[in-house]
Amino acid sequence: MAGVEPDWLGSGTEVRWSIAGREATERHLREAGFTLREVWGMPDDTTEDSTKPFFLAELG
C-alpha cells in the first residue's frame, strides 16, 4: 500500500509513504528476531471498513 499526502499537517509539504501490510510486517518482525505479543487494529478513516494494524513486539 502506498500513497501521497500533498499537504502534510497543513505544512504545504508533500509526504510519500508506503506500508508493507500486516502479513509482511509480521513476517519481517519475526525474521528480525521479534516475538509478537499482540496485534490489534485501529480505525482507518481512508476507507469505510478498514483498520490499520498495530503491533506489540518484543526482541528476543
C-alpha atoms as a PDB file:
ATOM      1  CA  MET A   1       0.000   0.000   0.000  1.00  0.00           C
ATOM      2  CA  ALA A   2       1.378   3.437  -0.888  1.00  0.00           C
ATOM      3  CA  GLY A   3       0.143   6.987  -1.085  1.00  0.00           C
ATOM      4  CA  VAL A   4       0.860  10.674  -1.193  1.00  0.00           C
ATOM      5  CA  GLU A   5      -0.294  13.419   1.161  1.00  0.00           C
ATOM      6  CA  PRO A   6       0.183  16.695  -0.749  1.00  0.00           C
ATOM      7  CA  ASP A   7      -0.208  18.964   2.310  1.00  0.00           C
ATOM      8  CA  TRP A   8       1.041  17.012   5.323  1.00  0.00           C
ATOM      9  CA  LEU A   9      -0.324  18.512   8.542  1.00  0.00           C
ATOM     10  CA  GLY A  10      -1.158  21.719   6.688  1.00  0.00           C
ATOM     11  CA  SER A  11       2.566  22.411   6.165  1.00  0.00           C
ATOM     12  CA  GLY A  12       2.479  22.635   2.371  1.00  0.00           C
ATOM     13  CA  THR A  13       4.994  19.780   2.263  1.00  0.00           C
ATOM     14  CA  GLU A  14       4.289  16.664   0.216  1.00  0.00           C
ATOM     15  CA  VAL A  15       4.841  13.336   2.001  1.00  0.00           C
ATOM     16  CA  ARG A  16       5.034   9.994   0.178  1.00  0.00           C
ATOM     17  CA  TRP A  17       4.549   6.813   2.185  1.00  0.00           C
ATOM     18  CA  SER A  18       4.348   3.056   1.794  1.00  0.00           C
ATOM     19  CA  ILE A  19       3.296   0.273   4.141  1.00  0.00           C
ATOM     20  CA  ALA A  20       4.275  -3.359   3.736  1.00  0.00           C
ATOM     21  CA  GLY A  21       0.908  -4.603   5.044  1.00  0.00           C
ATOM     22  CA  ARG A  22       0.013  -6.751   8.039  1.00  0.00           C
ATOM     23  CA  GLU A  23       1.293 -10.123   6.829  1.00  0.00           C
ATOM     24  CA  ALA A  24       4.609  -8.778   5.519  1.00  0.00           C
ATOM     25  CA  THR A  25       5.168  -6.707   8.671  1.00  0.00           C
ATOM     26  CA  GLU A  26       4.522  -9.735  10.903  1.00  0.00           C
ATOM     27  CA  ARG A  27       6.965 -11.787   8.808  1.00  0.00           C
ATOM     28  CA  HIS A  28       9.620  -9.039   8.904  1.00  0.00           C
ATOM     29  CA  LEU A  29       9.326  -8.697  12.687  1.00  0.00           C
ATOM     30  CA  ARG A  30       9.680 -12.466  13.210  1.00  0.00           C
ATOM     31  CA  GLU A  31      12.615 -12.674  10.781  1.00  0.00           C
ATOM     32  CA  ALA A  32      14.327  -9.874  12.728  1.00  0.00           C
ATOM     33  CA  GLY A  33      14.002 -11.870  15.969  1.00  0.00           C
ATOM     34  CA  PHE A  34      10.911 -10.252  17.479  1.00  0.00           C
ATOM     35  CA  THR A  35       8.138 -12.139  19.247  1.00  0.00           C
ATOM     36  CA  LEU A  36       4.684 -10.728  18.569  1.00  0.00           C
ATOM     37  CA  ARG A  37       2.848 -10.165  21.843  1.00  0.00           C
ATOM     38  CA  GLU A  38      -0.272  -8.530  20.460  1.00  0.00           C
ATOM     39  CA  VAL A  39      -1.715  -7.283  17.181  1.00  0.00           C
ATOM     40  CA  TRP A  40      -4.754  -5.026  17.012  1.00  0.00           C
ATOM     41  CA  GLY A  41      -6.471  -2.774  14.524  1.00  0.00           C
ATOM     42  CA  MET A  42      -7.142   0.934  14.749  1.00  0.00           C
ATOM     43  CA  PRO A  43      -9.840   2.552  12.602  1.00  0.00           C
ATOM     44  CA  ASP A  44      -8.539   3.875   9.303  1.00  0.00           C
ATOM     45  CA  ASP A  45     -10.569   6.795   8.013  1.00  0.00           C
ATOM     46  CA  THR A  46      -9.356   6.369   4.412  1.00  0.00           C
ATOM     47  CA  THR A  47     -11.850   3.591   3.682  1.00  0.00           C
ATOM     48  CA  GLU A  48     -15.200   2.685   5.192  1.00  0.00           C
ATOM     49  CA  ASP A  49     -14.475  -0.711   6.807  1.00  0.00           C
ATOM     50  CA  SER A  50     -10.726  -0.584   7.195  1.00  0.00           C
ATOM     51  CA  THR A  51      -8.287  -0.744  10.079  1.00  0.00           C
ATOM     52  CA  LYS A  52      -4.543  -0.146  10.383  1.00  0.00           C
ATOM     53  CA  PRO A  53      -2.609  -2.867  12.205  1.00  0.00           C
ATOM     54  CA  PHE A  54      -0.585  -2.018  15.306  1.00  0.00           C
ATOM     55  CA  PHE A  55       1.961  -4.455  16.723  1.00  0.00           C
ATOM     56  CA  LEU A  56       3.340  -5.033  20.196  1.00  0.00           C
ATOM     57  CA  ALA A  57       6.556  -6.988  19.758  1.00  0.00           C
ATOM     58  CA  GLU A  58       9.468  -7.901  21.978  1.00  0.00           C
ATOM     59  CA  LEU A  59      13.006  -8.585  20.839  1.00  0.00           C
ATOM     60  CA  GLY A  60      14.353 -11.900  21.979  1.00  0.00           C
END
